[in-house]
Amino acid sequence: MENTPSRPITALQLSLRAGVAAAAAVVIAQFLELEFPIYALIAAVLVMDLSPRKTRELAVQRLLGTLLGATVGALLSYVLPAGPLAMGVGILAAMLLSFGLRLGAPAAKLAGYVCGLVVFAYGTRPWWYASHRVAETLLGIGLAVLVSLVPKLLGVKLPSESQSK
Protein backbone atom coordinates (compact mmCIF):
# COMPACT_ATOMS: atom_id res chain seq x y z
CA MET A 1 0.00 0.00 0.00
CA GLU A 2 1.39 3.36 -0.94
CA ASN A 3 0.59 6.09 1.55
CA THR A 4 0.35 9.65 0.28
CA PRO A 5 -0.77 12.75 2.16
CA SER A 6 -4.00 12.69 0.11
CA ARG A 7 -4.93 9.34 1.63
CA PRO A 8 -5.36 10.02 5.36
CA ILE A 9 -8.35 7.66 5.61
CA THR A 10 -6.33 4.82 4.09
CA ALA A 11 -3.48 5.54 6.50
CA LEU A 12 -5.89 5.59 9.44
CA GLN A 13 -7.52 2.31 8.44
CA LEU A 14 -4.22 0.50 7.93
CA SER A 15 -2.84 1.84 11.21
CA LEU A 16 -6.00 0.86 13.07
CA ARG A 17 -5.95 -2.65 11.63
CA ALA A 18 -2.27 -3.13 12.44
CA GLY A 19 -2.79 -1.85 15.97
CA VAL A 20 -5.78 -4.10 16.62
CA ALA A 21 -4.09 -7.20 15.18
CA ALA A 22 -0.84 -6.56 17.07
CA ALA A 23 -2.55 -5.84 20.38
CA ALA A 24 -4.74 -8.93 20.08
CA ALA A 25 -1.70 -11.06 19.17
CA VAL A 26 0.20 -9.87 22.25
CA VAL A 27 -2.80 -10.40 24.55
CA ILE A 28 -3.26 -13.96 23.30
CA ALA A 29 0.50 -14.67 23.41
CA GLN A 30 0.62 -13.47 27.01
CA PHE A 31 -2.46 -15.49 27.91
CA LEU A 32 -0.83 -18.59 26.39
CA GLU A 33 2.37 -17.68 28.28
CA LEU A 34 4.46 -17.70 25.12
CA GLU A 35 8.05 -16.71 25.74
CA PHE A 36 8.42 -13.90 23.20
CA PRO A 37 5.08 -12.10 22.51
CA ILE A 38 6.99 -9.36 20.70
CA TYR A 39 7.37 -11.64 17.68
CA ALA A 40 3.58 -12.05 17.44
CA LEU A 41 3.35 -8.25 17.40
CA ILE A 42 6.03 -7.95 14.71
CA ALA A 43 4.39 -10.57 12.49
CA ALA A 44 0.97 -8.94 12.78
CA VAL A 45 2.24 -5.49 11.84
CA LEU A 46 4.54 -6.57 9.03
CA VAL A 47 1.99 -8.63 7.14
CA MET A 48 -0.94 -6.22 7.51
CA ASP A 49 -2.34 -4.59 4.41
CA LEU A 50 -5.78 -3.15 3.62
CA SER A 51 -6.12 -5.75 0.91
CA PRO A 52 -6.90 -9.18 2.38
CA ARG A 53 -5.20 -10.76 -0.66
CA LYS A 54 -1.99 -8.82 -0.09
CA THR A 55 -2.10 -9.61 3.65
CA ARG A 56 -2.35 -13.33 2.83
CA GLU A 57 0.56 -13.08 0.36
CA LEU A 58 2.74 -11.37 2.96
CA ALA A 59 1.62 -13.89 5.58
CA VAL A 60 2.67 -16.85 3.44
CA GLN A 61 6.09 -15.31 2.76
CA ARG A 62 6.62 -14.55 6.44
CA LEU A 63 5.55 -18.02 7.54
CA LEU A 64 7.70 -19.82 4.97
CA GLY A 65 10.72 -17.67 5.81
CA THR A 66 10.25 -18.25 9.53
CA LEU A 67 9.84 -22.01 9.13
CA LEU A 68 12.86 -22.32 6.88
CA GLY A 69 15.08 -20.06 8.98
CA ALA A 70 14.11 -21.76 12.24
CA THR A 71 14.77 -25.21 10.81
CA VAL A 72 18.09 -24.34 9.18
CA GLY A 73 19.22 -22.51 12.32
CA ALA A 74 18.31 -25.38 14.63
CA LEU A 75 20.04 -27.92 12.39
CA LEU A 76 23.20 -25.81 12.04
CA SER A 77 23.35 -25.41 15.81
CA TYR A 78 24.40 -29.05 16.00
CA VAL A 79 27.42 -28.58 13.75
CA LEU A 80 28.51 -24.99 14.37
CA PRO A 81 29.41 -23.40 17.71
CA ALA A 82 27.28 -20.37 18.56
CA GLY A 83 28.87 -17.10 17.52
CA PRO A 84 29.20 -14.57 14.74
CA LEU A 85 30.75 -17.02 12.25
CA ALA A 86 27.92 -19.52 12.73
CA MET A 87 25.42 -16.70 12.41
CA GLY A 88 26.92 -15.55 9.12
CA VAL A 89 27.07 -19.09 7.72
CA GLY A 90 23.50 -19.71 8.85
CA ILE A 91 22.18 -16.56 7.22
CA LEU A 92 24.00 -17.43 4.00
CA ALA A 93 22.66 -21.00 4.01
CA ALA A 94 19.08 -20.07 4.87
CA MET A 95 18.89 -17.30 2.28
CA LEU A 96 20.46 -19.38 -0.49
CA LEU A 97 18.14 -22.28 0.29
CA SER A 98 15.17 -19.93 0.24
CA PHE A 99 16.18 -18.54 -3.13
CA GLY A 100 16.83 -22.10 -4.36
CA LEU A 101 13.29 -23.01 -3.36
CA ARG A 102 12.04 -19.87 -5.19
CA LEU A 103 10.40 -18.44 -2.09
CA GLY A 104 11.32 -14.88 -3.04
CA ALA A 105 13.39 -12.14 -1.46
CA PRO A 106 11.04 -11.31 1.46
CA ALA A 107 10.99 -14.94 2.62
CA ALA A 108 14.76 -15.24 2.08
CA LYS A 109 15.49 -12.19 4.21
CA LEU A 110 13.26 -13.48 6.96
CA ALA A 111 14.78 -16.96 6.76
CA GLY A 112 18.24 -15.43 7.14
CA TYR A 113 17.15 -13.27 10.06
CA VAL A 114 15.46 -16.10 11.97
CA CYS A 115 18.29 -18.53 11.24
CA GLY A 116 20.83 -16.00 12.47
CA LEU A 117 18.92 -15.54 15.73
CA VAL A 118 18.63 -19.27 16.33
CA VAL A 119 22.29 -20.01 15.63
CA PHE A 120 23.76 -16.96 17.32
CA ALA A 121 21.71 -16.70 20.48
CA TYR A 122 20.06 -20.07 21.11
CA GLY A 123 22.74 -22.65 20.33
CA THR A 124 22.00 -24.61 23.50
CA ARG A 125 18.22 -24.85 22.91
CA PRO A 126 17.71 -24.25 19.18
CA TRP A 127 14.54 -26.29 18.71
CA TRP A 128 12.91 -24.70 21.74
CA TYR A 129 13.57 -21.21 20.40
CA ALA A 130 12.69 -22.19 16.82
CA SER A 131 9.35 -23.63 17.88
CA HIS A 132 8.52 -20.50 19.87
CA ARG A 133 9.37 -18.27 16.93
CA VAL A 134 7.10 -20.28 14.65
CA ALA A 135 4.23 -20.31 17.18
CA GLU A 136 4.41 -16.58 17.85
CA THR A 137 4.75 -15.76 14.17
CA LEU A 138 1.74 -17.96 13.36
CA LEU A 139 -0.28 -16.17 16.03
CA GLY A 140 0.58 -12.71 14.68
CA ILE A 141 -0.02 -13.76 11.09
CA GLY A 142 -3.33 -15.37 11.94
CA LEU A 143 -4.63 -12.27 13.64
CA ALA A 144 -3.47 -10.02 10.82
CA VAL A 145 -5.28 -12.19 8.29
CA LEU A 146 -8.45 -12.22 10.42
CA VAL A 147 -8.41 -8.44 10.90
CA SER A 148 -7.76 -7.90 7.18
CA LEU A 149 -11.06 -9.67 6.45
CA VAL A 150 -13.05 -7.00 8.29
CA PRO A 151 -14.60 -4.70 5.68
CA LYS A 152 -12.95 -1.32 5.30
CA LEU A 153 -14.63 1.45 7.27
CA LEU A 154 -14.96 3.69 4.24
CA GLY A 155 -14.92 2.66 0.61
CA VAL A 156 -11.45 3.90 -0.27
CA LYS A 157 -10.16 2.31 -3.46
CA LEU A 158 -6.56 1.20 -3.35
CA PRO A 159 -4.43 1.79 -6.46
CA SER A 160 -4.09 -1.98 -6.93
CA GLU A 161 -7.87 -2.44 -6.77
CA SER A 162 -8.65 0.17 -9.41
CA GLN A 163 -5.97 -1.19 -11.78
CA SER A 164 -7.23 -4.77 -11.62
CA LYS A 165 -10.72 -3.85 -12.87
C-alpha atoms as a PDB file:
ATOM      1  CA  MET A   1       0.000   0.000   0.000  1.00  0.00           C
ATOM      2  CA  GLU A   2       1.387   3.363  -0.938  1.00  0.00           C
ATOM      3  CA  ASN A   3       0.586   6.091   1.545  1.00  0.00           C
ATOM      4  CA  THR A   4       0.349   9.645   0.278  1.00  0.00           C
ATOM      5  CA  PRO A   5      -0.768  12.753   2.159  1.00  0.00           C
ATOM      6  CA  SER A   6      -3.996  12.689   0.109  1.00  0.00           C
ATOM      7  CA  ARG A   7      -4.931   9.336   1.634  1.00  0.00           C
ATOM      8  CA  PRO A   8      -5.357  10.023   5.362  1.00  0.00           C
ATOM      9  CA  ILE A   9      -8.345   7.658   5.608  1.00  0.00           C
ATOM     10  CA  THR A  10      -6.330   4.823   4.089  1.00  0.00           C
ATOM     11  CA  ALA A  11      -3.482   5.543   6.499  1.00  0.00           C
ATOM     12  CA  LEU A  12      -5.891   5.594   9.442  1.00  0.00           C
ATOM     13  CA  GLN A  13      -7.522   2.314   8.436  1.00  0.00           C
ATOM     14  CA  LEU A  14      -4.216   0.502   7.929  1.00  0.00           C
ATOM     15  CA  SER A  15      -2.840   1.839  11.207  1.00  0.00           C
ATOM     16  CA  LEU A  16      -5.996   0.861  13.072  1.00  0.00           C
ATOM     17  CA  ARG A  17      -5.953  -2.653  11.627  1.00  0.00           C
ATOM     18  CA  ALA A  18      -2.267  -3.133  12.442  1.00  0.00           C
ATOM     19  CA  GLY A  19      -2.788  -1.853  15.972  1.00  0.00           C
ATOM     20  CA  VAL A  20      -5.783  -4.103  16.615  1.00  0.00           C
ATOM     21  CA  ALA A  21      -4.089  -7.197  15.179  1.00  0.00           C
ATOM     22  CA  ALA A  22      -0.841  -6.560  17.067  1.00  0.00           C
ATOM     23  CA  ALA A  23      -2.547  -5.837  20.384  1.00  0.00           C
ATOM     24  CA  ALA A  24      -4.738  -8.927  20.081  1.00  0.00           C
ATOM     25  CA  ALA A  25      -1.703 -11.055  19.171  1.00  0.00           C
ATOM     26  CA  VAL A  26       0.200  -9.872  22.248  1.00  0.00           C
ATOM     27  CA  VAL A  27      -2.798 -10.402  24.551  1.00  0.00           C
ATOM     28  CA  ILE A  28      -3.256 -13.958  23.296  1.00  0.00           C
ATOM     29  CA  ALA A  29       0.497 -14.672  23.414  1.00  0.00           C
ATOM     30  CA  GLN A  30       0.620 -13.469  27.010  1.00  0.00           C
ATOM     31  CA  PHE A  31      -2.465 -15.492  27.908  1.00  0.00           C
ATOM     32  CA  LEU A  32      -0.828 -18.586  26.393  1.00  0.00           C
ATOM     33  CA  GLU A  33       2.371 -17.678  28.284  1.00  0.00           C
ATOM     34  CA  LEU A  34       4.462 -17.702  25.121  1.00  0.00           C
ATOM     35  CA  GLU A  35       8.047 -16.710  25.742  1.00  0.00           C
ATOM     36  CA  PHE A  36       8.415 -13.897  23.197  1.00  0.00           C
ATOM     37  CA  PRO A  37       5.083 -12.104  22.505  1.00  0.00           C
ATOM     38  CA  ILE A  38       6.991  -9.360  20.703  1.00  0.00           C
ATOM     39  CA  TYR A  39       7.368 -11.645  17.682  1.00  0.00           C
ATOM     40  CA  ALA A  40       3.578 -12.045  17.440  1.00  0.00           C
ATOM     41  CA  LEU A  41       3.347  -8.247  17.399  1.00  0.00           C
ATOM     42  CA  ILE A  42       6.025  -7.949  14.714  1.00  0.00           C
ATOM     43  CA  ALA A  43       4.394 -10.569  12.494  1.00  0.00           C
ATOM     44  CA  ALA A  44       0.971  -8.942  12.784  1.00  0.00           C
ATOM     45  CA  VAL A  45       2.236  -5.487  11.841  1.00  0.00           C
ATOM     46  CA  LEU A  46       4.543  -6.568   9.030  1.00  0.00           C
ATOM     47  CA  VAL A  47       1.987  -8.630   7.135  1.00  0.00           C
ATOM     48  CA  MET A  48      -0.935  -6.218   7.510  1.00  0.00           C
ATOM     49  CA  ASP A  49      -2.342  -4.589   4.410  1.00  0.00           C
ATOM     50  CA  LEU A  50      -5.777  -3.146   3.618  1.00  0.00           C
ATOM     51  CA  SER A  51      -6.120  -5.751   0.908  1.00  0.00           C
ATOM     52  CA  PRO A  52      -6.900  -9.183   2.375  1.00  0.00           C
ATOM     53  CA  ARG A  53      -5.204 -10.758  -0.660  1.00  0.00           C
ATOM     54  CA  LYS A  54      -1.992  -8.816  -0.086  1.00  0.00           C
ATOM     55  CA  THR A  55      -2.097  -9.610   3.648  1.00  0.00           C
ATOM     56  CA  ARG A  56      -2.349 -13.329   2.831  1.00  0.00           C
ATOM     57  CA  GLU A  57       0.555 -13.081   0.360  1.00  0.00           C
ATOM     58  CA  LEU A  58       2.740 -11.370   2.959  1.00  0.00           C
ATOM     59  CA  ALA A  59       1.616 -13.891   5.584  1.00  0.00           C
ATOM     60  CA  VAL A  60       2.675 -16.849   3.445  1.00  0.00           C
ATOM     61  CA  GLN A  61       6.091 -15.306   2.764  1.00  0.00           C
ATOM     62  CA  ARG A  62       6.625 -14.547   6.441  1.00  0.00           C
ATOM     63  CA  LEU A  63       5.547 -18.016   7.538  1.00  0.00           C
ATOM     64  CA  LEU A  64       7.695 -19.819   4.974  1.00  0.00           C
ATOM     65  CA  GLY A  65      10.720 -17.670   5.811  1.00  0.00           C
ATOM     66  CA  THR A  66      10.250 -18.252   9.535  1.00  0.00           C
ATOM     67  CA  LEU A  67       9.842 -22.014   9.129  1.00  0.00           C
ATOM     68  CA  LEU A  68      12.860 -22.317   6.875  1.00  0.00           C
ATOM     69  CA  GLY A  69      15.082 -20.064   8.976  1.00  0.00           C
ATOM     70  CA  ALA A  70      14.112 -21.759  12.242  1.00  0.00           C
ATOM     71  CA  THR A  71      14.765 -25.211  10.806  1.00  0.00           C
ATOM     72  CA  VAL A  72      18.092 -24.337   9.182  1.00  0.00           C
ATOM     73  CA  GLY A  73      19.219 -22.506  12.319  1.00  0.00           C
ATOM     74  CA  ALA A  74      18.306 -25.378  14.628  1.00  0.00           C
ATOM     75  CA  LEU A  75      20.044 -27.921  12.386  1.00  0.00           C
ATOM     76  CA  LEU A  76      23.196 -25.807  12.039  1.00  0.00           C
ATOM     77  CA  SER A  77      23.347 -25.410  15.807  1.00  0.00           C
ATOM     78  CA  TYR A  78      24.398 -29.053  15.998  1.00  0.00           C
ATOM     79  CA  VAL A  79      27.423 -28.577  13.751  1.00  0.00           C
ATOM     80  CA  LEU A  80      28.513 -24.990  14.370  1.00  0.00           C
ATOM     81  CA  PRO A  81      29.412 -23.405  17.706  1.00  0.00           C
ATOM     82  CA  ALA A  82      27.280 -20.371  18.562  1.00  0.00           C
ATOM     83  CA  GLY A  83      28.871 -17.095  17.520  1.00  0.00           C
ATOM     84  CA  PRO A  84      29.203 -14.566  14.737  1.00  0.00           C
ATOM     85  CA  LEU A  85      30.747 -17.018  12.253  1.00  0.00           C
ATOM     86  CA  ALA A  86      27.923 -19.524  12.726  1.00  0.00           C
ATOM     87  CA  MET A  87      25.425 -16.696  12.412  1.00  0.00           C
ATOM     88  CA  GLY A  88      26.924 -15.554   9.115  1.00  0.00           C
ATOM     89  CA  VAL A  89      27.066 -19.088   7.723  1.00  0.00           C
ATOM     90  CA  GLY A  90      23.496 -19.708   8.847  1.00  0.00           C
ATOM     91  CA  ILE A  91      22.183 -16.555   7.216  1.00  0.00           C
ATOM     92  CA  LEU A  92      23.997 -17.432   3.998  1.00  0.00           C
ATOM     93  CA  ALA A  93      22.658 -20.999   4.009  1.00  0.00           C
ATOM     94  CA  ALA A  94      19.079 -20.067   4.868  1.00  0.00           C
ATOM     95  CA  MET A  95      18.895 -17.301   2.282  1.00  0.00           C
ATOM     96  CA  LEU A  96      20.460 -19.380  -0.486  1.00  0.00           C
ATOM     97  CA  LEU A  97      18.137 -22.275   0.290  1.00  0.00           C
ATOM     98  CA  SER A  98      15.174 -19.928   0.243  1.00  0.00           C
ATOM     99  CA  PHE A  99      16.181 -18.539  -3.132  1.00  0.00           C
ATOM    100  CA  GLY A 100      16.828 -22.095  -4.361  1.00  0.00           C
ATOM    101  CA  LEU A 101      13.286 -23.005  -3.357  1.00  0.00           C
ATOM    102  CA  ARG A 102      12.044 -19.873  -5.194  1.00  0.00           C
ATOM    103  CA  LEU A 103      10.397 -18.445  -2.092  1.00  0.00           C
ATOM    104  CA  GLY A 104      11.318 -14.881  -3.035  1.00  0.00           C
ATOM    105  CA  ALA A 105      13.389 -12.144  -1.456  1.00  0.00           C
ATOM    106  CA  PRO A 106      11.045 -11.310   1.459  1.00  0.00           C
ATOM    107  CA  ALA A 107      10.994 -14.938   2.616  1.00  0.00           C
ATOM    108  CA  ALA A 108      14.756 -15.241   2.078  1.00  0.00           C
ATOM    109  CA  LYS A 109      15.486 -12.193   4.212  1.00  0.00           C
ATOM    110  CA  LEU A 110      13.263 -13.478   6.963  1.00  0.00           C
ATOM    111  CA  ALA A 111      14.778 -16.959   6.758  1.00  0.00           C
ATOM    112  CA  GLY A 112      18.238 -15.433   7.142  1.00  0.00           C
ATOM    113  CA  TYR A 113      17.145 -13.269  10.061  1.00  0.00           C
ATOM    114  CA  VAL A 114      15.464 -16.104  11.972  1.00  0.00           C
ATOM    115  CA  CYS A 115      18.286 -18.527  11.245  1.00  0.00           C
ATOM    116  CA  GLY A 116      20.831 -15.998  12.467  1.00  0.00           C
ATOM    117  CA  LEU A 117      18.924 -15.537  15.732  1.00  0.00           C
ATOM    118  CA  VAL A 118      18.626 -19.270  16.334  1.00  0.00           C
ATOM    119  CA  VAL A 119      22.292 -20.007  15.631  1.00  0.00           C
ATOM    120  CA  PHE A 120      23.760 -16.957  17.323  1.00  0.00           C
ATOM    121  CA  ALA A 121      21.714 -16.705  20.479  1.00  0.00           C
ATOM    122  CA  TYR A 122      20.064 -20.068  21.109  1.00  0.00           C
ATOM    123  CA  GLY A 123      22.738 -22.649  20.333  1.00  0.00           C
ATOM    124  CA  THR A 124      22.003 -24.612  23.504  1.00  0.00           C
ATOM    125  CA  ARG A 125      18.224 -24.853  22.908  1.00  0.00           C
ATOM    126  CA  PRO A 126      17.710 -24.249  19.184  1.00  0.00           C
ATOM    127  CA  TRP A 127      14.538 -26.293  18.711  1.00  0.00           C
ATOM    128  CA  TRP A 128      12.912 -24.695  21.738  1.00  0.00           C
ATOM    129  CA  TYR A 129      13.573 -21.213  20.401  1.00  0.00           C
ATOM    130  CA  ALA A 130      12.695 -22.186  16.816  1.00  0.00           C
ATOM    131  CA  SER A 131       9.350 -23.626  17.876  1.00  0.00           C
ATOM    132  CA  HIS A 132       8.518 -20.496  19.872  1.00  0.00           C
ATOM    133  CA  ARG A 133       9.374 -18.269  16.929  1.00  0.00           C
ATOM    134  CA  VAL A 134       7.101 -20.279  14.652  1.00  0.00           C
ATOM    135  CA  ALA A 135       4.228 -20.306  17.177  1.00  0.00           C
ATOM    136  CA  GLU A 136       4.414 -16.575  17.847  1.00  0.00           C
ATOM    137  CA  THR A 137       4.750 -15.764  14.169  1.00  0.00           C
ATOM    138  CA  LEU A 138       1.738 -17.957  13.365  1.00  0.00           C
ATOM    139  CA  LEU A 139      -0.276 -16.171  16.026  1.00  0.00           C
ATOM    140  CA  GLY A 140       0.580 -12.708  14.680  1.00  0.00           C
ATOM    141  CA  ILE A 141      -0.017 -13.756  11.086  1.00  0.00           C
ATOM    142  CA  GLY A 142      -3.329 -15.374  11.937  1.00  0.00           C
ATOM    143  CA  LEU A 143      -4.631 -12.272  13.642  1.00  0.00           C
ATOM    144  CA  ALA A 144      -3.468 -10.019  10.823  1.00  0.00           C
ATOM    145  CA  VAL A 145      -5.284 -12.191   8.289  1.00  0.00           C
ATOM    146  CA  LEU A 146      -8.446 -12.216  10.423  1.00  0.00           C
ATOM    147  CA  VAL A 147      -8.409  -8.436  10.897  1.00  0.00           C
ATOM    148  CA  SER A 148      -7.763  -7.903   7.180  1.00  0.00           C
ATOM    149  CA  LEU A 149     -11.057  -9.665   6.445  1.00  0.00           C
ATOM    150  CA  VAL A 150     -13.053  -7.001   8.288  1.00  0.00           C
ATOM    151  CA  PRO A 151     -14.604  -4.700   5.678  1.00  0.00           C
ATOM    152  CA  LYS A 152     -12.950  -1.316   5.301  1.00  0.00           C
ATOM    153  CA  LEU A 153     -14.628   1.454   7.274  1.00  0.00           C
ATOM    154  CA  LEU A 154     -14.964   3.686   4.237  1.00  0.00           C
ATOM    155  CA  GLY A 155     -14.921   2.662   0.605  1.00  0.00           C
ATOM    156  CA  VAL A 156     -11.453   3.898  -0.274  1.00  0.00           C
ATOM    157  CA  LYS A 157     -10.164   2.306  -3.463  1.00  0.00           C
ATOM    158  CA  LEU A 158      -6.564   1.204  -3.352  1.00  0.00           C
ATOM    159  CA  PRO A 159      -4.428   1.786  -6.463  1.00  0.00           C
ATOM    160  CA  SER A 160      -4.086  -1.976  -6.928  1.00  0.00           C
ATOM    161  CA  GLU A 161      -7.874  -2.438  -6.768  1.00  0.00           C
ATOM    162  CA  SER A 162      -8.645   0.172  -9.415  1.00  0.00           C
ATOM    163  CA  GLN A 163      -5.966  -1.189 -11.775  1.00  0.00           C
ATOM    164  CA  SER A 164      -7.230  -4.767 -11.621  1.00  0.00           C
ATOM    165  CA  LYS A 165     -10.717  -3.852 -12.871  1.00  0.00           C
END
